[in-house]
Amino acid sequence: MIADWGSDRRVLTDAVSVLVGDDLGKYPSGNSVLVQGRAETVLIDPSVTVVARGGAPLPVDAVVNSHGHEDHLAGNGLFTEARVHIHDDDLPAARSLDGLMAVYGYDGPIGDRFREQVVEEFHYRGRPDAEGFTDGHVFDLGGTTIEAVHLPGHTRGHSGFRIGDVFFLSDIDLTGFGPYYGDVWSDLDDFEDSLHKVRGEQARYYVTFHHKGIIEGRARFLEMLDDFTAVIGRRHEAMLAFLAEPRTLDDMVAHRFIYRPGVETTIVDAVERRSADLHVQRMLRRGEAAEIEPGRYQRA
């Protein structure tokens, strides 16, 4: 599966290069990371662009998935001769379509439509042979290592990777959209803990799967991380203000706190509901809001 990437292969170090996805890695594509050692070559998160181009610039011995989402698993079925690795907590997502759908938790027609989309648009193919890893696991490629750093919250098994002077952030993507925690396997508290943890990473290059791509320098990375993290607080305050009057989760979904009004995709309402519920549960724990009657909440 050798493909010519030309200028879309950005070389960062002797061992690490980034295969830039369509539209600079904007969803549904992404920026895959190619790591070459003396003994093996690993591709992290093969995107839909990797599939469209028919492979990577080098033969791939193993695919490593940062987590179990459709856009990060797209190329798993392309590299049939390569091993597949993913964190233990997200292993079901790589092994079967049912396992992947459990990560999202979408029910009824929404789940049915998204299942079709995952197969048709993201080329999903289950890899029952996928192997798990845990935090701190080191992949030794021969003179080059990849160390897994568990960063849950986006999914249970979401992980970043230390690769010499490069740190791959995956879907801590530092975009203006902010953190995504809209699935049943997402957790707001875990995501915030991961954002705090990743601040300590020392690297020359930080790479995100979407949008921002290659970020050079720790100072710039920390500035972008602060902006990304601040989105959570702004969402929380906006939701609290909305609860000045009694509201239901349905009201919060219709109002839109995650996506802009007018954005319509298969999963928007489900993501809005899960995200709002996480914030409301935080408000209840903090005493910021109360459930004044079943399913209706108001700011305290």
C-alpha atoms as a PDB file:
ATOM      1  CA  MET A   1       0.000   0.000   0.000  1.00  0.00           C
ATOM      2  CA  ILE A   2       2.529   2.575  -1.191  1.00  0.00           C
ATOM      3  CA  ALA A   3       1.219   5.978  -2.247  1.00  0.00           C
ATOM      4  CA  ASP A   4       2.816   9.218  -3.392  1.00  0.00           C
ATOM      5  CA  TRP A   5       2.039  12.021  -0.926  1.00  0.00           C
ATOM      6  CA  GLY A   6       4.360  14.674  -2.359  1.00  0.00           C
ATOM      7  CA  SER A   7       4.221  17.968  -0.461  1.00  0.00           C
ATOM      8  CA  ASP A   8       1.364  16.668   1.712  1.00  0.00           C
ATOM      9  CA  ARG A   9       3.927  14.643   3.616  1.00  0.00           C
ATOM     10  CA  ARG A  10       5.425  17.069   6.123  1.00  0.00           C
ATOM     11  CA  VAL A  11       8.713  15.782   7.548  1.00  0.00           C
ATOM     12  CA  LEU A  12       9.289  16.863  11.167  1.00  0.00           C
ATOM     13  CA  THR A  13      12.253  14.696  12.202  1.00  0.00           C
ATOM     14  CA  ASP A  14      14.283  11.846  10.736  1.00  0.00           C
ATOM     15  CA  ALA A  15      11.677   9.445  12.110  1.00  0.00           C
ATOM     16  CA  VAL A  16       8.389  11.362  12.077  1.00  0.00           C
ATOM     17  CA  SER A  17       6.313  12.843   9.288  1.00  0.00           C
ATOM     18  CA  VAL A  18       2.701  13.992   9.045  1.00  0.00           C
ATOM     19  CA  LEU A  19       0.408  12.932   6.214  1.00  0.00           C
ATOM     20  CA  VAL A  20      -1.793  15.997   5.942  1.00  0.00           C
ATOM     21  CA  GLY A  21      -5.428  15.187   5.243  1.00  0.00           C
ATOM     22  CA  ASP A  22      -7.771  16.981   2.871  1.00  0.00           C
ATOM     23  CA  ASP A  23      -8.545  20.589   3.806  1.00  0.00           C
ATOM     24  CA  LEU A  24      -5.637  20.556   6.277  1.00  0.00           C
ATOM     25  CA  GLY A  25      -7.143  17.676   8.222  1.00  0.00           C
ATOM     26  CA  LYS A  26     -10.618  19.106   8.670  1.00  0.00           C
ATOM     27  CA  TYR A  27     -13.230  16.521   9.642  1.00  0.00           C
ATOM     28  CA  PRO A  28     -14.061  14.048   8.129  1.00  0.00           C
ATOM     29  CA  SER A  29     -10.369  13.768   7.279  1.00  0.00           C
ATOM     30  CA  GLY A  30      -7.411  14.172   9.615  1.00  0.00           C
ATOM     31  CA  ASN A  31      -3.630  14.330   9.889  1.00  0.00           C
ATOM     32  CA  SER A  32      -2.042  10.898  10.179  1.00  0.00           C
ATOM     33  CA  VAL A  33       1.421  10.416  11.669  1.00  0.00           C
ATOM     34  CA  LEU A  34       4.006   8.150  10.045  1.00  0.00           C
ATOM     35  CA  VAL A  35       6.849   6.907  12.285  1.00  0.00           C
ATOM     36  CA  GLN A  36       9.824   5.046  10.835  1.00  0.00           C
ATOM     37  CA  GLY A  37      12.362   3.047  12.824  1.00  0.00           C
ATOM     38  CA  ARG A  38      15.120   0.705  11.764  1.00  0.00           C
ATOM     39  CA  ALA A  39      12.936  -2.352  12.288  1.00  0.00           C
ATOM     40  CA  GLU A  40       9.351  -1.199  11.752  1.00  0.00           C
ATOM     41  CA  THR A  41       7.159   1.586  10.422  1.00  0.00           C
ATOM     42  CA  VAL A  42       3.973   2.616  12.232  1.00  0.00           C
ATOM     43  CA  LEU A  43       1.058   4.699  10.988  1.00  0.00           C
ATOM     44  CA  ILE A  44      -0.988   6.473  13.666  1.00  0.00           C
ATOM     45  CA  ASP A  45      -4.661   7.115  12.842  1.00  0.00           C
ATOM     46  CA  PRO A  46      -4.984   6.369   9.112  1.00  0.00           C
ATOM     47  CA  SER A  47      -7.490   8.933   7.815  1.00  0.00           C
ATOM     48  CA  VAL A  48     -10.031   8.803   5.006  1.00  0.00           C
ATOM     49  CA  THR A  49      -7.440  10.635   2.903  1.00  0.00           C
ATOM     50  CA  VAL A  50      -4.985   7.779   3.453  1.00  0.00           C
ATOM     51  CA  VAL A  51      -7.679   5.413   2.179  1.00  0.00           C
ATOM     52  CA  ALA A  52      -8.464   7.638  -0.806  1.00  0.00           C
ATOM     53  CA  ARG A  53      -4.796   7.782  -1.770  1.00  0.00           C
ATOM     54  CA  GLY A  54      -4.417   4.051  -1.422  1.00  0.00           C
ATOM     55  CA  GLY A  55      -1.890   3.951   1.392  1.00  0.00           C
ATOM     56  CA  ALA A  56       1.174   5.570   2.912  1.00  0.00           C
ATOM     57  CA  PRO A  57       4.561   6.558   1.439  1.00  0.00           C
ATOM     58  CA  LEU A  58       6.200   3.528   3.093  1.00  0.00           C
ATOM     59  CA  PRO A  59       5.185  -0.057   3.853  1.00  0.00           C
ATOM     60  CA  VAL A  60       3.364  -0.114   7.200  1.00  0.00           C
ATOM     61  CA  ASP A  61       4.050  -2.839   9.760  1.00  0.00           C
ATOM     62  CA  ALA A  62       1.542  -1.658  12.368  1.00  0.00           C
ATOM     63  CA  VAL A  63      -1.352   0.771  12.708  1.00  0.00           C
ATOM     64  CA  VAL A  64      -1.858   2.514  16.056  1.00  0.00           C
ATOM     65  CA  ASN A  65      -5.239   4.104  16.764  1.00  0.00           C
ATOM     66  CA  SER A  66      -5.343   6.961  19.260  1.00  0.00           C
ATOM     67  CA  HIS A  67      -8.954   6.102  20.107  1.00  0.00           C
ATOM     68  CA  GLY A  68     -12.150   4.510  18.861  1.00  0.00           C
ATOM     69  CA  HIS A  69     -13.812   7.043  16.563  1.00  0.00           C
ATOM     70  CA  GLU A  70     -14.762   6.559  12.932  1.00  0.00           C
ATOM     71  CA  ASP A  71     -12.340   9.099  11.463  1.00  0.00           C
ATOM     72  CA  HIS A  72      -9.343   7.587  13.260  1.00  0.00           C
ATOM     73  CA  LEU A  73     -10.136   3.984  12.306  1.00  0.00           C
ATOM     74  CA  ALA A  74     -10.824   4.666   8.618  1.00  0.00           C
ATOM     75  CA  GLY A  75      -7.695   2.984   7.266  1.00  0.00           C
ATOM     76  CA  ASN A  76      -7.616  -0.047   9.548  1.00  0.00           C
ATOM     77  CA  GLY A  77      -9.179  -2.207   6.864  1.00  0.00           C
ATOM     78  CA  LEU A  78      -6.760  -0.978   4.201  1.00  0.00           C
ATOM     79  CA  PHE A  79      -3.623  -2.268   5.924  1.00  0.00           C
ATOM     80  CA  THR A  80      -4.704  -5.883   6.185  1.00  0.00           C
ATOM     81  CA  GLU A  81      -1.159  -7.191   6.663  1.00  0.00           C
ATOM     82  CA  ALA A  82      -0.376  -4.745   9.489  1.00  0.00           C
ATOM     83  CA  ARG A  83      -1.050  -5.221  13.179  1.00  0.00           C
ATOM     84  CA  VAL A  84      -3.601  -2.896  14.813  1.00  0.00           C
ATOM     85  CA  HIS A  85      -3.137  -1.450  18.312  1.00  0.00           C
ATOM     86  CA  ILE A  86      -5.511   0.674  20.419  1.00  0.00           C
ATOM     87  CA  HIS A  87      -5.871   1.403  24.142  1.00  0.00           C
ATOM     88  CA  ASP A  88      -7.544  -1.413  26.076  1.00  0.00           C
ATOM     89  CA  ASP A  89     -10.503   0.811  26.983  1.00  0.00           C
ATOM     90  CA  ASP A  90     -11.376   1.429  23.313  1.00  0.00           C
ATOM     91  CA  LEU A  91     -10.495  -2.035  22.021  1.00  0.00           C
ATOM     92  CA  PRO A  92     -14.130  -2.984  21.226  1.00  0.00           C
ATOM     93  CA  ALA A  93     -14.356  -0.054  18.800  1.00  0.00           C
ATOM     94  CA  ALA A  94     -11.536  -1.401  16.634  1.00  0.00           C
ATOM     95  CA  ARG A  95     -12.682  -5.005  16.748  1.00  0.00           C
ATOM     96  CA  SER A  96     -16.286  -4.728  15.555  1.00  0.00           C
ATOM     97  CA  LEU A  97     -18.895  -2.310  14.274  1.00  0.00           C
ATOM     98  CA  ASP A  98     -21.131  -3.090  17.238  1.00  0.00           C
ATOM     99  CA  GLY A  99     -18.234  -2.236  19.534  1.00  0.00           C
ATOM    100  CA  LEU A 100     -17.700   1.074  17.776  1.00  0.00           C
ATOM    101  CA  MET A 101     -21.381   1.991  17.942  1.00  0.00           C
ATOM    102  CA  ALA A 102     -21.374   1.330  21.693  1.00  0.00           C
ATOM    103  CA  VAL A 103     -18.841   4.157  22.078  1.00  0.00           C
ATOM    104  CA  TYR A 104     -21.313   6.668  20.662  1.00  0.00           C
ATOM    105  CA  GLY A 105     -24.487   5.345  22.265  1.00  0.00           C
ATOM    106  CA  TYR A 106     -26.810   6.608  19.534  1.00  0.00           C
ATOM    107  CA  ASP A 107     -30.227   4.930  19.623  1.00  0.00           C
ATOM    108  CA  GLY A 108     -32.950   4.259  17.068  1.00  0.00           C
ATOM    109  CA  PRO A 109     -32.919   5.837  13.590  1.00  0.00           C
ATOM    110  CA  ILE A 110     -29.960   8.075  14.491  1.00  0.00           C
ATOM    111  CA  GLY A 111     -27.876   5.035  15.348  1.00  0.00           C
ATOM    112  CA  ASP A 112     -28.973   3.219  12.191  1.00  0.00           C
ATOM    113  CA  ARG A 113     -28.078   6.172   9.947  1.00  0.00           C
ATOM    114  CA  PHE A 114     -24.731   6.724  11.609  1.00  0.00           C
ATOM    115  CA  ARG A 115     -23.878   3.024  11.375  1.00  0.00           C
ATOM    116  CA  GLU A 116     -24.367   3.234   7.608  1.00  0.00           C
ATOM    117  CA  GLN A 117     -22.320   6.424   7.413  1.00  0.00           C
ATOM    118  CA  VAL A 118     -19.424   4.869   9.328  1.00  0.00           C
ATOM    119  CA  VAL A 119     -19.238   2.002   6.841  1.00  0.00           C
ATOM    120  CA  GLU A 120     -19.918   3.904   3.622  1.00  0.00           C
ATOM    121  CA  GLU A 121     -18.061   7.179   4.218  1.00  0.00           C
ATOM    122  CA  PHE A 122     -15.370   6.066   6.666  1.00  0.00           C
ATOM    123  CA  HIS A 123     -14.684   2.618   5.178  1.00  0.00           C
ATOM    124  CA  TYR A 124     -14.989   1.008   8.600  1.00  0.00           C
ATOM    125  CA  ARG A 125     -13.888  -2.590   8.783  1.00  0.00           C
ATOM    126  CA  GLY A 126     -13.657  -4.390  12.101  1.00  0.00           C
ATOM    127  CA  ARG A 127     -10.293  -5.822  13.080  1.00  0.00           C
ATOM    128  CA  PRO A 128     -10.950  -8.716  15.494  1.00  0.00           C
ATOM    129  CA  ASP A 129      -7.171  -9.145  15.664  1.00  0.00           C
ATOM    130  CA  ALA A 130      -6.650  -5.663  17.178  1.00  0.00           C
ATOM    131  CA  GLU A 131      -4.420  -5.666  20.261  1.00  0.00           C
ATOM    132  CA  GLY A 132      -4.726  -3.452  23.336  1.00  0.00           C
ATOM    133  CA  PHE A 133      -2.174  -1.331  25.158  1.00  0.00           C
ATOM    134  CA  THR A 134      -2.182   0.703  28.356  1.00  0.00           C
ATOM    135  CA  ASP A 135      -0.793   4.023  29.578  1.00  0.00           C
ATOM    136  CA  GLY A 136       2.976   4.150  29.255  1.00  0.00           C
ATOM    137  CA  HIS A 137       3.247   1.346  26.721  1.00  0.00           C
ATOM    138  CA  VAL A 138       6.303   1.759  24.484  1.00  0.00           C
ATOM    139  CA  PHE A 139       6.370   0.640  20.868  1.00  0.00           C
ATOM    140  CA  ASP A 140      10.026   0.017  19.967  1.00  0.00           C
ATOM    141  CA  LEU A 141      10.540   0.429  16.227  1.00  0.00           C
ATOM    142  CA  GLY A 142      14.305   0.110  16.367  1.00  0.00           C
ATOM    143  CA  GLY A 143      16.108   3.313  17.334  1.00  0.00           C
ATOM    144  CA  THR A 144      12.745   5.095  17.569  1.00  0.00           C
ATOM    145  CA  THR A 145      10.046   4.659  20.196  1.00  0.00           C
ATOM    146  CA  ILE A 146       6.388   5.655  20.522  1.00  0.00           C
ATOM    147  CA  GLU A 147       5.149   6.016  24.102  1.00  0.00           C
ATOM    148  CA  ALA A 148       1.407   5.967  24.783  1.00  0.00           C
ATOM    149  CA  VAL A 149      -0.039   8.620  27.111  1.00  0.00           C
ATOM    150  CA  HIS A 150      -3.606   7.896  28.224  1.00  0.00           C
ATOM    151  CA  LEU A 151      -5.711  11.071  27.903  1.00  0.00           C
ATOM    152  CA  PRO A 152      -9.332   9.984  28.479  1.00  0.00           C
ATOM    153  CA  GLY A 153     -12.449  12.124  28.324  1.00  0.00           C
ATOM    154  CA  HIS A 154     -13.000  12.347  24.581  1.00  0.00           C
ATOM    155  CA  THR A 155     -13.360   8.564  24.756  1.00  0.00           C
ATOM    156  CA  ARG A 156     -12.420   6.186  27.548  1.00  0.00           C
ATOM    157  CA  GLY A 157      -9.232   5.109  25.805  1.00  0.00           C
ATOM    158  CA  HIS A 158      -8.220   8.328  24.024  1.00  0.00           C
ATOM    159  CA  SER A 159      -4.415   8.550  23.985  1.00  0.00           C
ATOM    160  CA  GLY A 160      -1.615  10.808  22.869  1.00  0.00           C
ATOM    161  CA  PHE A 161       1.876   9.690  21.883  1.00  0.00           C
ATOM    162  CA  ARG A 162       5.415  10.819  22.664  1.00  0.00           C
ATOM    163  CA  ILE A 163       7.719  10.320  19.679  1.00  0.00           C
ATOM    164  CA  GLY A 164      11.055  11.996  20.400  1.00  0.00           C
ATOM    165  CA  ASP A 165      10.631  15.724  19.784  1.00  0.00           C
ATOM    166  CA  VAL A 166       7.025  15.211  18.658  1.00  0.00           C
ATOM    167  CA  PHE A 167       3.853  14.852  20.726  1.00  0.00           C
ATOM    168  CA  PHE A 168       0.688  13.693  18.970  1.00  0.00           C
ATOM    169  CA  LEU A 169      -2.371  15.197  20.669  1.00  0.00           C
ATOM    170  CA  SER A 170      -4.963  13.377  18.560  1.00  0.00           C
ATOM    171  CA  ASP A 171      -8.384  14.938  19.314  1.00  0.00           C
ATOM    172  CA  ILE A 172      -7.164  17.422  21.855  1.00  0.00           C
ATOM    173  CA  ASP A 173      -7.222  19.364  18.630  1.00  0.00           C
ATOM    174  CA  LEU A 174      -6.954  22.936  19.994  1.00  0.00           C
ATOM    175  CA  THR A 175      -9.706  24.247  17.716  1.00  0.00           C
ATOM    176  CA  GLY A 176     -12.107  27.083  18.420  1.00  0.00           C
ATOM    177  CA  PHE A 177     -14.913  24.495  18.519  1.00  0.00           C
ATOM    178  CA  GLY A 178     -13.463  23.304  21.811  1.00  0.00           C
ATOM    179  CA  PRO A 179     -13.370  19.909  23.514  1.00  0.00           C
ATOM    180  CA  TYR A 180     -15.788  17.261  22.275  1.00  0.00           C
ATOM    181  CA  TYR A 181     -17.361  15.068  24.980  1.00  0.00           C
ATOM    182  CA  GLY A 182     -20.676  14.239  23.366  1.00  0.00           C
ATOM    183  CA  ASP A 183     -20.670  10.414  23.418  1.00  0.00           C
ATOM    184  CA  VAL A 184     -21.746   7.986  26.122  1.00  0.00           C
ATOM    185  CA  TRP A 185     -18.069   6.985  26.463  1.00  0.00           C
ATOM    186  CA  SER A 186     -17.073  10.631  26.983  1.00  0.00           C
ATOM    187  CA  ASP A 187     -16.492  12.207  30.377  1.00  0.00           C
ATOM    188  CA  LEU A 188     -16.176  15.911  31.157  1.00  0.00           C
ATOM    189  CA  ASP A 189     -14.141  15.505  34.354  1.00  0.00           C
ATOM    190  CA  ASP A 190     -11.733  13.090  32.678  1.00  0.00           C
ATOM    191  CA  PHE A 191     -11.311  15.473  29.740  1.00  0.00           C
ATOM    192  CA  GLU A 192     -10.369  18.342  32.052  1.00  0.00           C
ATOM    193  CA  ASP A 193      -7.898  16.099  33.888  1.00  0.00           C
ATOM    194  CA  SER A 194      -6.342  15.168  30.542  1.00  0.00           C
ATOM    195  CA  LEU A 195      -6.033  18.823  29.534  1.00  0.00           C
ATOM    196  CA  HIS A 196      -4.184  19.471  32.785  1.00  0.00           C
ATOM    197  CA  LYS A 197      -1.970  16.419  32.266  1.00  0.00           C
ATOM    198  CA  VAL A 198      -0.996  17.303  28.717  1.00  0.00           C
ATOM    199  CA  ARG A 199       0.248  20.741  29.797  1.00  0.00           C
ATOM    200  CA  GLY A 200       3.337  19.013  31.128  1.00  0.00           C
ATOM    201  CA  GLU A 201       4.357  17.551  27.785  1.00  0.00           C
ATOM    202  CA  GLN A 202       7.675  18.897  26.533  1.00  0.00           C
ATOM    203  CA  ALA A 203       8.097  18.767  22.758  1.00  0.00           C
ATOM    204  CA  ARG A 204       9.319  20.759  19.813  1.00  0.00           C
ATOM    205  CA  TYR A 205       6.313  19.831  17.687  1.00  0.00           C
ATOM    206  CA  TYR A 206       2.724  19.196  18.786  1.00  0.00           C
ATOM    207  CA  VAL A 207       0.458  17.586  16.214  1.00  0.00           C
ATOM    208  CA  THR A 208      -3.347  17.511  16.216  1.00  0.00           C
ATOM    209  CA  PHE A 209      -5.430  15.160  14.112  1.00  0.00           C
ATOM    210  CA  HIS A 210      -7.751  17.938  12.961  1.00  0.00           C
ATOM    211  CA  HIS A 211      -7.405  21.490  11.721  1.00  0.00           C
ATOM    212  CA  LYS A 212      -4.376  22.920  13.519  1.00  0.00           C
ATOM    213  CA  GLY A 213      -2.031  20.145  12.436  1.00  0.00           C
ATOM    214  CA  ILE A 214       1.587  20.953  13.226  1.00  0.00           C
ATOM    215  CA  ILE A 215       2.265  23.421  16.055  1.00  0.00           C
ATOM    216  CA  GLU A 216       5.881  24.363  16.638  1.00  0.00           C
ATOM    217  CA  GLY A 217       7.064  25.470  20.064  1.00  0.00           C
ATOM    218  CA  ARG A 218       5.808  24.940  23.586  1.00  0.00           C
ATOM    219  CA  ALA A 219       4.800  28.563  24.151  1.00  0.00           C
ATOM    220  CA  ARG A 220       2.423  28.517  21.182  1.00  0.00           C
ATOM    221  CA  PHE A 221       1.062  25.141  22.251  1.00  0.00           C
ATOM    222  CA  LEU A 222       0.270  26.368  25.782  1.00  0.00           C
ATOM    223  CA  GLU A 223      -1.436  29.480  24.443  1.00  0.00           C
ATOM    224  CA  MET A 224      -3.647  27.379  22.192  1.00  0.00           C
ATOM    225  CA  LEU A 225      -4.300  24.868  24.973  1.00  0.00           C
ATOM    226  CA  ASP A 226      -5.496  27.650  27.283  1.00  0.00           C
ATOM    227  CA  ASP A 227      -7.924  28.907  24.640  1.00  0.00           C
ATOM    228  CA  PHE A 228      -9.178  25.381  23.980  1.00  0.00           C
ATOM    229  CA  THR A 229      -9.694  24.655  27.675  1.00  0.00           C
ATOM    230  CA  ALA A 230     -11.549  27.939  28.239  1.00  0.00           C
ATOM    231  CA  VAL A 231     -14.355  26.786  25.934  1.00  0.00           C
ATOM    232  CA  ILE A 232     -15.580  24.404  28.651  1.00  0.00           C
ATOM    233  CA  GLY A 233     -16.031  27.249  31.130  1.00  0.00           C
ATOM    234  CA  ARG A 234     -17.822  29.426  28.578  1.00  0.00           C
ATOM    235  CA  ARG A 235     -20.242  26.630  27.753  1.00  0.00           C
ATOM    236  CA  HIS A 236     -20.915  26.046  31.431  1.00  0.00           C
ATOM    237  CA  GLU A 237     -21.648  29.695  32.136  1.00  0.00           C
ATOM    238  CA  ALA A 238     -23.892  29.956  29.079  1.00  0.00           C
ATOM    239  CA  MET A 239     -25.886  26.939  30.226  1.00  0.00           C
ATOM    240  CA  LEU A 240     -26.194  28.343  33.740  1.00  0.00           C
ATOM    241  CA  ALA A 241     -27.500  31.622  32.343  1.00  0.00           C
ATOM    242  CA  PHE A 242     -30.037  29.697  30.244  1.00  0.00           C
ATOM    243  CA  LEU A 243     -31.278  27.990  33.416  1.00  0.00           C
ATOM    244  CA  ALA A 244     -32.318  31.317  34.933  1.00  0.00           C
ATOM    245  CA  GLU A 245     -35.749  29.946  34.066  1.00  0.00           C
ATOM    246  CA  PRO A 246     -36.761  26.291  34.479  1.00  0.00           C
ATOM    247  CA  ARG A 247     -35.599  24.275  31.474  1.00  0.00           C
ATOM    248  CA  THR A 248     -35.443  20.667  30.320  1.00  0.00           C
ATOM    249  CA  LEU A 249     -32.646  18.914  28.460  1.00  0.00           C
ATOM    250  CA  ASP A 250     -34.869  19.127  25.381  1.00  0.00           C
ATOM    251  CA  ASP A 251     -34.866  22.913  25.770  1.00  0.00           C
ATOM    252  CA  MET A 252     -31.080  22.907  26.028  1.00  0.00           C
ATOM    253  CA  VAL A 253     -30.716  20.707  22.947  1.00  0.00           C
ATOM    254  CA  ALA A 254     -32.926  23.053  20.930  1.00  0.00           C
ATOM    255  CA  HIS A 255     -31.003  26.114  22.121  1.00  0.00           C
ATOM    256  CA  ARG A 256     -27.628  24.696  20.985  1.00  0.00           C
ATOM    257  CA  PHE A 257     -24.572  25.169  23.182  1.00  0.00           C
ATOM    258  CA  ILE A 258     -22.097  23.010  21.256  1.00  0.00           C
ATOM    259  CA  TYR A 259     -22.962  23.531  17.605  1.00  0.00           C
ATOM    260  CA  ARG A 260     -24.022  26.733  15.887  1.00  0.00           C
ATOM    261  CA  PRO A 261     -27.730  27.149  15.115  1.00  0.00           C
ATOM    262  CA  GLY A 262     -28.395  25.853  11.639  1.00  0.00           C
ATOM    263  CA  VAL A 263     -25.824  23.047  11.760  1.00  0.00           C
ATOM    264  CA  GLU A 264     -27.701  19.846  10.973  1.00  0.00           C
ATOM    265  CA  THR A 265     -26.000  16.454  10.931  1.00  0.00           C
ATOM    266  CA  THR A 266     -27.089  12.987  11.964  1.00  0.00           C
ATOM    267  CA  ILE A 267     -25.644  13.255  15.456  1.00  0.00           C
ATOM    268  CA  VAL A 268     -26.096  16.915  16.460  1.00  0.00           C
ATOM    269  CA  ASP A 269     -29.031  16.461  18.830  1.00  0.00           C
ATOM    270  CA  ALA A 270     -27.473  13.431  20.509  1.00  0.00           C
ATOM    271  CA  VAL A 271     -24.188  15.289  21.074  1.00  0.00           C
ATOM    272  CA  GLU A 272     -25.995  18.361  22.429  1.00  0.00           C
ATOM    273  CA  ARG A 273     -28.002  16.191  24.849  1.00  0.00           C
ATOM    274  CA  ARG A 274     -25.016  14.261  26.190  1.00  0.00           C
ATOM    275  CA  SER A 275     -22.933  17.430  26.585  1.00  0.00           C
ATOM    276  CA  ALA A 276     -25.730  19.354  28.310  1.00  0.00           C
ATOM    277  CA  ASP A 277     -26.395  16.444  30.646  1.00  0.00           C
ATOM    278  CA  LEU A 278     -22.730  16.344  31.713  1.00  0.00           C
ATOM    279  CA  HIS A 279     -22.796  20.055  32.524  1.00  0.00           C
ATOM    280  CA  VAL A 280     -26.134  19.820  34.348  1.00  0.00           C
ATOM    281  CA  GLN A 281     -24.842  16.947  36.477  1.00  0.00           C
ATOM    282  CA  ARG A 282     -21.830  19.104  37.338  1.00  0.00           C
ATOM    283  CA  MET A 283     -24.146  21.979  38.304  1.00  0.00           C
ATOM    284  CA  LEU A 284     -26.167  19.681  40.573  1.00  0.00           C
ATOM    285  CA  ARG A 285     -23.020  18.375  42.280  1.00  0.00           C
ATOM    286  CA  ARG A 286     -21.760  21.924  42.847  1.00  0.00           C
ATOM    287  CA  GLY A 287     -25.111  23.238  44.033  1.00  0.00           C
ATOM    288  CA  GLU A 288     -25.239  25.671  41.120  1.00  0.00           C
ATOM    289  CA  ALA A 289     -28.615  24.370  39.955  1.00  0.00           C
ATOM    290  CA  ALA A 290     -31.456  22.231  41.229  1.00  0.00           C
ATOM    291  CA  GLU A 291     -33.921  19.800  39.710  1.00  0.00           C
ATOM    292  CA  ILE A 292     -37.113  21.609  40.649  1.00  0.00           C
ATOM    293  CA  GLU A 293     -39.302  18.844  39.241  1.00  0.00           C
ATOM    294  CA  PRO A 294     -38.473  15.660  37.333  1.00  0.00           C
ATOM    295  CA  GLY A 295     -36.456  16.611  34.256  1.00  0.00           C
ATOM    296  CA  ARG A 296     -36.665  20.388  34.816  1.00  0.00           C
ATOM    297  CA  TYR A 297     -33.660  22.322  36.074  1.00  0.00           C
ATOM    298  CA  GLN A 298     -33.134  25.867  37.305  1.00  0.00           C
ATOM    299  CA  ARG A 299     -30.129  27.844  38.405  1.00  0.00           C
ATOM    300  CA  ALA A 300     -29.834  28.019  42.182  1.00  0.00           C
END
